[in-house]
Protein backbone atom coordinates (compact mmCIF):
# COMPACT_ATOMS: atom_id res chain seq x y z
CA MET A 1 0.94 -15.44 6.74
CA THR A 2 4.13 -17.41 6.05
CA ALA A 3 7.57 -16.37 7.23
CA ALA A 4 8.56 -15.49 3.65
CA ARG A 5 5.62 -13.14 3.32
CA MET A 6 6.40 -11.55 6.68
CA ALA A 7 9.98 -11.03 5.55
CA ALA A 8 8.73 -9.20 2.46
CA ILE A 9 6.75 -6.76 4.62
CA ALA A 10 9.26 -6.29 7.45
CA PRO A 11 11.56 -3.76 5.67
CA LEU A 12 8.77 -1.18 5.71
CA VAL A 13 9.36 -0.64 9.43
CA PHE A 14 12.27 1.61 8.41
CA VAL A 15 10.02 4.04 6.51
CA PRO A 16 8.85 6.01 9.61
CA LEU A 17 12.46 6.34 10.79
CA VAL A 18 13.15 8.67 7.85
CA ALA A 19 11.59 11.36 10.06
CA TRP A 20 14.74 11.30 12.19
CA SER A 21 17.36 10.23 9.68
CA LYS A 22 17.15 10.37 5.89
CA ASP A 23 19.61 7.47 5.78
CA ALA A 24 16.76 5.21 6.94
CA ALA A 25 15.51 5.42 3.34
CA VAL A 26 18.70 3.69 2.21
CA VAL A 27 18.20 0.92 4.77
CA ALA A 28 14.54 0.51 3.79
CA LEU A 29 15.35 0.26 0.08
CA PHE A 30 18.15 -2.28 0.48
CA ALA A 31 16.13 -4.33 2.98
CA CYS A 32 13.27 -4.48 0.47
CA ALA A 33 15.67 -5.50 -2.31
CA ILE A 34 17.18 -8.28 -0.17
CA ALA A 35 13.72 -9.56 0.75
CA ILE A 36 12.72 -9.70 -2.91
CA VAL A 37 15.90 -11.48 -4.00
CA ALA A 38 15.41 -14.01 -1.20
CA TRP A 39 11.82 -14.64 -2.33
CA PRO A 40 11.67 -17.11 -5.29
CA SER A 41 8.86 -15.36 -7.16
CA GLY A 42 10.48 -11.96 -6.69
CA ARG A 43 13.86 -13.26 -7.83
CA ARG A 44 12.23 -14.77 -10.92
CA ALA A 45 10.55 -11.45 -11.77
CA VAL A 46 13.88 -9.63 -11.55
CA VAL A 47 15.67 -12.18 -13.75
CA GLU A 48 12.87 -12.12 -16.34
CA ALA A 49 12.78 -8.30 -16.53
CA ARG A 50 12.44 -6.79 -19.98
CA PRO A 51 15.85 -6.11 -21.54
CA ALA A 52 14.89 -2.55 -22.53
CA GLY A 53 14.65 -1.35 -18.93
CA TRP A 54 17.86 -3.06 -17.84
CA LEU A 55 19.73 -1.94 -20.96
CA ALA A 56 18.86 1.73 -20.46
CA GLY A 57 19.95 1.58 -16.82
CA LEU A 58 23.19 -0.19 -17.67
CA MET A 59 23.94 2.32 -20.42
CA LEU A 60 23.37 5.19 -17.99
CA MET A 61 25.70 3.76 -15.36
CA GLY A 62 28.19 2.88 -18.09
CA TRP A 63 28.21 6.46 -19.34
CA GLY A 64 28.69 7.65 -15.74
CA LEU A 65 31.64 5.28 -15.42
CA ILE A 66 33.19 6.55 -18.66
CA SER A 67 32.75 10.16 -17.53
CA LEU A 68 35.03 9.48 -14.56
CA ALA A 69 37.89 9.87 -17.06
CA TRP A 70 37.38 13.65 -17.04
CA ALA A 71 35.59 14.02 -13.70
CA PRO A 72 37.11 15.67 -10.61
CA ALA A 73 38.70 13.39 -8.02
CA GLY A 74 36.33 11.42 -5.80
CA GLY A 75 33.71 10.64 -8.42
CA ALA A 76 34.45 6.91 -8.47
CA VAL A 77 33.27 6.35 -4.90
CA LEU A 78 30.09 8.33 -5.56
CA TRP A 79 29.47 6.35 -8.74
CA GLY A 80 29.76 3.07 -6.84
CA GLN A 81 27.26 4.23 -4.24
CA VAL A 82 24.80 5.40 -6.87
CA ALA A 83 25.16 2.14 -8.84
CA MET A 84 24.24 0.09 -5.77
CA VAL A 85 21.20 2.26 -4.98
CA VAL A 86 19.98 2.20 -8.58
CA GLY A 87 20.36 -1.58 -8.67
CA ALA A 88 18.43 -2.01 -5.43
CA ALA A 89 15.63 0.28 -6.60
CA THR A 90 15.34 -1.64 -9.88
CA VAL A 91 15.08 -4.93 -8.00
CA VAL A 92 12.33 -3.57 -5.72
CA VAL A 93 10.22 -2.14 -8.53
CA ARG A 94 10.57 -5.31 -10.59
CA GLY A 95 9.76 -7.50 -7.60
CA ILE A 96 6.39 -5.81 -7.13
CA ASP A 97 5.31 -7.34 -10.45
CA ALA A 98 5.48 -10.78 -8.85
CA LEU A 99 3.12 -10.03 -5.96
CA ASP A 100 -0.03 -12.12 -5.70
CA ALA A 101 -3.30 -10.52 -4.61
CA GLN A 102 -3.02 -11.46 -0.93
CA LEU A 103 0.57 -10.29 -0.53
CA THR A 104 -0.17 -7.11 -2.45
CA ARG A 105 -2.96 -6.29 -0.02
CA HIS A 106 -0.81 -7.04 3.05
CA LEU A 107 2.12 -5.07 1.67
CA ALA A 108 -0.08 -2.13 0.70
CA ALA A 109 -1.71 -2.05 4.13
CA THR A 110 1.70 -2.17 5.85
CA PHE A 111 3.01 0.58 3.58
CA ALA A 112 0.02 2.81 4.33
CA ALA A 113 0.51 2.22 8.05
CA ALA A 114 4.22 3.04 7.78
CA VAL A 115 3.51 6.31 5.95
CA GLY A 116 0.81 7.14 8.50
CA LEU A 117 3.28 6.53 11.33
CA LEU A 118 5.81 8.77 9.58
CA ALA A 119 3.18 11.53 9.47
CA LEU A 120 2.34 10.96 13.14
CA ILE A 121 5.99 11.23 14.18
CA LEU A 122 6.41 14.48 12.25
CA PHE A 123 3.22 15.83 13.85
CA ILE A 124 4.47 14.98 17.34
CA GLU A 125 7.81 16.61 16.56
CA ARG A 126 6.09 19.74 15.32
CA VAL A 127 3.87 20.03 18.38
CA SER A 128 6.72 19.28 20.81
CA GLY A 129 9.24 21.51 19.07
CA GLY A 130 11.46 18.60 18.11
CA GLY A 131 11.09 16.90 21.49
CA LEU A 132 11.76 13.34 20.33
CA ILE A 133 14.69 14.04 18.06
CA GLY A 134 16.01 16.43 20.70
CA LEU A 135 16.51 13.47 23.05
CA HIS A 136 19.18 12.18 20.69
CA ARG A 137 20.58 15.63 19.77
CA PRO A 138 20.34 17.58 23.04
CA ASP A 139 23.04 20.11 22.12
CA GLU A 140 21.64 21.16 18.74
CA PRO A 141 19.38 24.23 18.32
CA THR A 142 15.74 23.76 17.41
CA ALA A 143 16.26 25.24 13.95
CA ARG A 144 18.84 22.58 13.16
CA LEU A 145 16.54 19.83 14.45
CA PHE A 146 13.80 20.96 12.10
CA ASP A 147 16.29 21.01 9.22
CA VAL A 148 16.78 17.29 9.88
CA LEU A 149 13.03 16.70 10.11
CA SER A 150 12.44 18.53 6.81
CA ALA A 151 13.94 15.60 4.88
CA GLY A 152 11.34 13.31 6.42
CA LEU A 153 8.63 15.82 5.56
CA ALA A 154 9.73 15.92 1.92
CA PHE A 155 9.66 12.10 1.82
CA LEU A 156 6.18 12.08 3.36
CA CYS A 157 4.90 14.59 0.79
CA CYS A 158 6.13 12.43 -2.08
CA LEU A 159 4.41 9.34 -0.63
CA THR A 160 1.14 11.09 0.22
CA PHE A 161 -0.82 10.37 -2.96
CA PRO A 162 0.13 6.67 -3.31
CA ALA A 163 -0.70 6.17 0.38
CA ALA A 164 -3.98 8.05 -0.04
CA LEU A 165 -4.98 5.85 -3.00
CA ILE A 166 -4.17 2.71 -1.03
CA LEU A 167 -6.21 3.93 1.94
CA ALA A 168 -9.09 4.79 -0.37
CA HIS A 169 -9.15 1.23 -1.73
CA LEU A 170 -8.55 -0.55 1.56
CA PHE A 171 -11.19 1.50 3.40
CA ARG A 172 -13.14 4.21 1.59
CA PRO A 173 -12.28 7.26 -0.57
CA SER A 174 -12.96 9.70 2.25
CA VAL A 175 -10.14 8.12 4.31
CA GLY A 176 -7.61 8.73 1.54
CA ILE A 177 -8.78 12.30 1.02
CA ALA A 178 -8.67 13.02 4.75
CA PHE A 179 -5.11 11.69 4.93
CA ALA A 180 -3.95 13.91 2.08
CA ILE A 181 -5.55 16.98 3.69
CA ALA A 182 -3.95 16.14 7.05
CA VAL A 183 -0.50 15.88 5.47
CA PHE A 184 -1.02 19.22 3.71
CA ALA A 185 -1.94 20.86 7.03
CA LEU A 186 1.17 19.35 8.60
CA ALA A 187 3.32 20.65 5.74
CA VAL A 188 1.94 24.16 6.16
CA SER A 189 2.87 24.10 9.85
CA TYR A 190 6.55 23.42 9.06
CA ASN A 191 8.94 26.15 7.98
CA MET A 192 9.57 24.54 4.60
CA ASP A 193 8.21 26.48 1.66
CA ALA A 194 8.58 23.66 -0.86
CA ALA A 195 6.42 21.16 1.06
CA PRO A 196 2.98 22.84 0.92
CA VAL A 197 3.70 24.17 -2.58
CA ALA A 198 4.53 20.63 -3.76
CA LEU A 199 1.36 19.16 -2.24
CA ALA A 200 -0.83 21.96 -3.61
CA PHE A 201 0.69 21.42 -7.05
CA GLY A 202 0.13 17.67 -6.70
CA GLY A 203 -3.48 18.20 -5.69
CA LEU A 204 -4.11 20.45 -8.68
CA VAL A 205 -2.53 17.93 -11.05
CA CYS A 206 -4.45 15.07 -9.44
CA GLY A 207 -7.80 16.78 -10.00
CA THR A 208 -6.89 17.68 -13.57
CA ALA A 209 -5.68 14.16 -14.35
CA LEU A 210 -8.92 12.65 -13.03
CA LEU A 211 -10.69 14.58 -15.77
CA GLY A 212 -8.08 14.39 -18.54
CA GLY A 213 -6.53 10.95 -18.01
CA ARG A 214 -3.35 9.98 -19.85
CA ARG A 215 -3.23 13.21 -21.85
CA VAL A 216 -2.73 15.20 -18.67
CA LEU A 217 -0.02 12.83 -17.47
CA VAL A 218 1.87 13.06 -20.77
CA GLY A 219 1.45 16.83 -20.88
CA LEU A 220 2.71 17.12 -17.30
CA VAL A 221 5.84 15.09 -18.00
CA LEU A 222 6.62 17.05 -21.16
CA THR A 223 6.03 20.39 -19.43
CA LEU A 224 8.17 19.48 -16.43
CA SER A 225 10.94 18.17 -18.69
CA CYS A 226 11.05 21.36 -20.73
CA THR A 227 10.91 23.50 -17.60
CA ALA A 228 13.76 21.57 -16.00
CA LEU A 229 15.98 21.98 -19.06
CA VAL A 230 15.54 25.78 -19.12
CA TRP A 231 15.66 26.19 -15.33
CA GLY A 232 19.16 27.63 -15.32
CA VAL A 233 18.33 30.08 -18.12
CA LEU A 234 15.27 31.21 -16.18
CA ALA A 235 17.45 31.73 -13.10
CA GLU A 236 19.87 33.87 -15.10
CA ALA A 237 16.99 35.97 -16.42
CA ALA A 238 15.51 36.30 -12.91
CA LEU A 239 18.81 37.56 -11.50
CA ALA A 240 19.23 39.99 -14.37
CA GLY A 241 15.73 41.32 -13.74
CA GLY A 242 16.31 41.90 -10.03
CA LEU A 243 14.08 39.05 -8.86
CA GLY A 244 16.77 37.81 -6.48
CA ALA A 245 16.63 40.96 -4.35
CA TRP A 246 12.82 40.82 -4.30
CA LEU A 247 12.84 37.18 -3.17
CA GLU A 248 15.38 37.99 -0.46
CA ARG A 249 13.19 40.78 0.93
CA LEU A 250 10.08 38.59 0.83
CA PHE A 251 11.37 35.14 1.84
CA GLY A 252 14.93 35.63 3.09
CA ALA A 253 18.28 34.87 1.52
CA ASN A 254 17.62 31.19 0.81
CA TRP A 255 15.80 31.59 -2.51
CA SER A 256 17.96 34.43 -3.82
CA LEU A 257 21.04 32.28 -3.15
CA ARG A 258 19.53 29.40 -5.07
CA LEU A 259 18.98 31.63 -8.06
CA GLY A 260 22.71 32.30 -7.90
CA TYR A 261 23.45 28.57 -7.68
CA TRP A 262 21.32 27.75 -10.70
CA ALA A 263 22.69 30.61 -12.78
CA ARG A 264 26.23 29.51 -12.01
CA VAL A 265 25.47 25.89 -12.84
CA GLN A 266 23.93 26.96 -16.13
CA GLU A 267 27.14 28.72 -17.08
CA LEU A 268 29.17 25.63 -16.18
CA ILE A 269 26.82 23.48 -18.26
CA GLY A 270 27.50 25.74 -21.22
CA GLN A 271 31.18 24.78 -21.05
CA ALA A 272 30.45 21.09 -21.71
CA PRO A 273 26.78 20.70 -22.69
CA LEU A 274 27.04 17.34 -24.44
CA ILE A 275 29.30 15.22 -22.25
CA GLY A 276 29.28 17.18 -18.97
CA HIS A 277 32.09 17.71 -16.49
CA GLY A 278 32.12 14.12 -15.24
CA PHE A 279 30.33 12.15 -12.55
CA GLY A 280 30.22 14.04 -9.25
CA ALA A 281 31.42 17.35 -10.73
CA GLY A 282 28.45 19.21 -9.28
CA ARG A 283 29.76 18.56 -5.78
CA VAL A 284 33.23 19.86 -6.58
CA LEU A 285 32.87 22.76 -8.99
CA GLY A 286 30.73 24.67 -6.53
CA ARG A 287 33.38 24.82 -3.82
CA PRO A 288 34.96 28.19 -3.05
CA GLY A 289 38.08 28.74 -5.14
CA GLU A 290 37.18 26.08 -7.74
CA TYR A 291 35.57 28.51 -10.13
CA ASP A 292 35.77 32.26 -10.79
CA GLY A 293 33.05 33.07 -13.30
CA PRO A 294 30.59 35.92 -13.49
CA VAL A 295 28.39 34.33 -10.79
CA PRO A 296 30.91 33.22 -8.13
CA VAL A 297 28.43 31.80 -5.59
CA PRO A 298 29.76 28.73 -3.72
CA PHE A 299 27.43 25.76 -3.24
CA MET A 300 27.61 22.18 -1.95
CA HIS A 301 25.54 20.89 -4.88
CA PRO A 302 23.31 22.54 -7.53
CA HIS A 303 20.06 22.13 -5.54
CA ASN A 304 18.40 20.97 -8.76
CA GLY A 305 18.56 17.34 -9.77
CA VAL A 306 18.17 17.88 -13.51
CA LEU A 307 20.81 20.63 -13.65
CA GLU A 308 23.15 18.44 -11.61
CA LEU A 309 22.59 15.52 -13.98
CA TRP A 310 23.24 17.77 -16.98
CA LEU A 311 26.30 19.34 -15.38
CA ASP A 312 27.82 15.94 -14.58
CA LEU A 313 26.81 13.75 -17.54
CA GLY A 314 25.78 16.23 -20.22
CA LEU A 315 22.87 15.83 -22.59
CA MET A 316 24.02 12.24 -23.12
CA GLY A 317 23.21 11.47 -19.49
CA VAL A 318 19.92 13.40 -19.62
CA ALA A 319 18.82 11.40 -22.67
CA LEU A 320 19.75 8.07 -21.05
CA VAL A 321 17.85 8.93 -17.87
CA ALA A 322 14.83 9.93 -19.96
CA THR A 323 14.98 6.61 -21.84
CA TRP A 324 15.33 4.59 -18.66
CA THR A 325 12.52 6.50 -16.94
CA ALA A 326 10.24 6.03 -19.95
CA ALA A 327 10.87 2.27 -19.89
CA GLY A 328 9.97 2.09 -16.20
CA ALA A 329 6.93 4.34 -16.59
CA ARG A 330 5.66 2.25 -19.45
CA ARG A 331 5.84 -0.83 -17.24
CA ILE A 332 3.87 0.81 -14.43
CA LEU A 333 1.33 2.44 -16.76
CA SER A 334 0.69 -0.83 -18.61
CA SER A 335 -1.57 -1.88 -15.72
CA ALA A 336 -2.81 1.62 -14.88
CA ASN A 337 -6.27 1.50 -16.43
CA SER A 338 -7.97 3.31 -13.57
CA PRO A 339 -8.33 7.13 -13.69
CA ALA A 340 -7.48 7.18 -9.98
CA VAL A 341 -4.15 5.41 -10.60
CA LEU A 342 -3.24 7.75 -13.45
CA ALA A 343 -4.13 10.75 -11.28
CA THR A 344 -2.06 9.37 -8.40
CA ILE A 345 0.98 8.82 -10.62
CA ALA A 346 0.64 12.31 -12.10
CA ALA A 347 0.26 13.89 -8.66
CA THR A 348 3.26 12.00 -7.26
CA ILE A 349 5.40 13.07 -10.22
CA ALA A 350 4.28 16.67 -9.65
CA VAL A 351 5.09 16.62 -5.94
CA THR A 352 8.46 14.92 -6.41
CA SER A 353 9.43 17.27 -9.23
CA VAL A 354 9.22 20.25 -6.90
CA PHE A 355 11.84 18.78 -4.58
CA VAL A 356 13.97 17.60 -7.50
CA LEU A 357 13.98 21.11 -9.00
CA VAL A 358 14.70 23.14 -5.87
CA SER A 359 16.21 20.96 -3.18
CA PHE A 360 18.15 17.72 -2.89
CA SER A 361 21.19 16.49 -4.77
CA ILE A 362 20.22 13.84 -7.32
CA TRP A 363 23.24 11.70 -6.36
CA LEU A 364 22.65 11.87 -2.61
CA GLY A 365 22.25 8.24 -1.53
CA SER A 366 19.35 8.93 0.82
CA TRP A 367 17.42 11.00 -1.72
CA LEU A 368 18.09 8.53 -4.54
CA SER A 369 16.87 5.73 -2.26
CA ALA A 370 13.79 7.79 -1.45
CA LEU A 371 13.12 8.19 -5.18
CA GLY A 372 13.36 4.42 -5.57
CA LEU A 373 10.84 3.90 -2.76
CA ILE A 374 8.53 6.56 -4.26
CA ILE A 375 8.54 4.77 -7.62
CA ALA A 376 7.93 1.47 -5.83
CA ALA A 377 5.00 3.06 -3.96
CA MET A 378 3.41 4.11 -7.26
CA ALA A 379 3.91 0.61 -8.65
CA LEU A 380 2.40 -0.95 -5.51
CA ALA A 381 -0.66 1.32 -5.56
CA ALA A 382 -1.21 0.57 -9.26
CA LYS A 383 -0.83 -3.16 -8.60
CA LEU A 384 -3.37 -3.07 -5.76
CA VAL A 385 -6.00 -1.25 -7.80
CA ASP A 386 -5.44 -3.46 -10.87
CA GLN A 387 -5.82 -6.66 -8.84
CA ARG A 388 -8.95 -5.42 -7.07
CA GLN A 389 -10.57 -4.42 -10.38
CA SER A 390 -9.76 -7.73 -12.02
């Protein structure tokens, strides 16, 4: 393998490090983008990208830039960070189109190994009670150490189905299935409710998509989109019906608090549904003393990516993201003729949607970088299967 091809694979060494620091996802994404730009074929693929995809992305970032006019202070820095991550992710996904069969196979094998190593690290940490990460953070309690590890677990869950498909094609189907089951068992062992739920949901969608094909994938996307848009209304109804107290008794205060977050965000969205409160508003309006409405629950961010997008950029931003996502999905699905690829994409969307709806901030650089790598993983798995079939 030439030095250029080795350079294209090298950035994946950062993927397992996400177990200890979610910022490793940022490093991995930008390292991949730099490798692609430095590679002539990858650079050519980026330059020759279809205008529709680039235009939708540029319009989204342009709208975010315009919204800074009415956004709280500090949004400009966040916008700059997000713009760089979005650009890097676009370069990586586009660069995968330029891979030849040999490099695709090497890159897919390295990716599968990196995800497997990430799973192994998280397993060792679970068995040792955070022994490895504790070497670097000796003064922090175990609960805090596992909070850090949970970000790596979420990343692993989102990469499970693409990695399983790659393993199935590089070795045999039973290897991919065994890997997915092992990750699910690992997720159950962690104190993170969303992880096993996300994987179980992904598994259910995967099986259904194998039977229903593209119809299931389209139905899933439409259902998730509608659910995301009414999430805040559902939270308000749940609080009014006393579901928050029931969740607190059953699972602790975490989920009842999140119902309060979402209900409060929904009320804020109602104040500016079309244009939003400006880029980064979700990280400001939730601070104590910033808002005194009927649901005065302070929060660092909305803990729901779609609600945060709507709160910041309004329905205009939601529509632009939908357009941009559709353009990218169309590109990936254009070569997804295999039922296994369609099922993998559907399952990955299902798993990722759980974390988007209940956990991370959509503008968090590490999570946005992780999303870029997840999309790239789906594109890589689809590319591998397409090349092997042809």
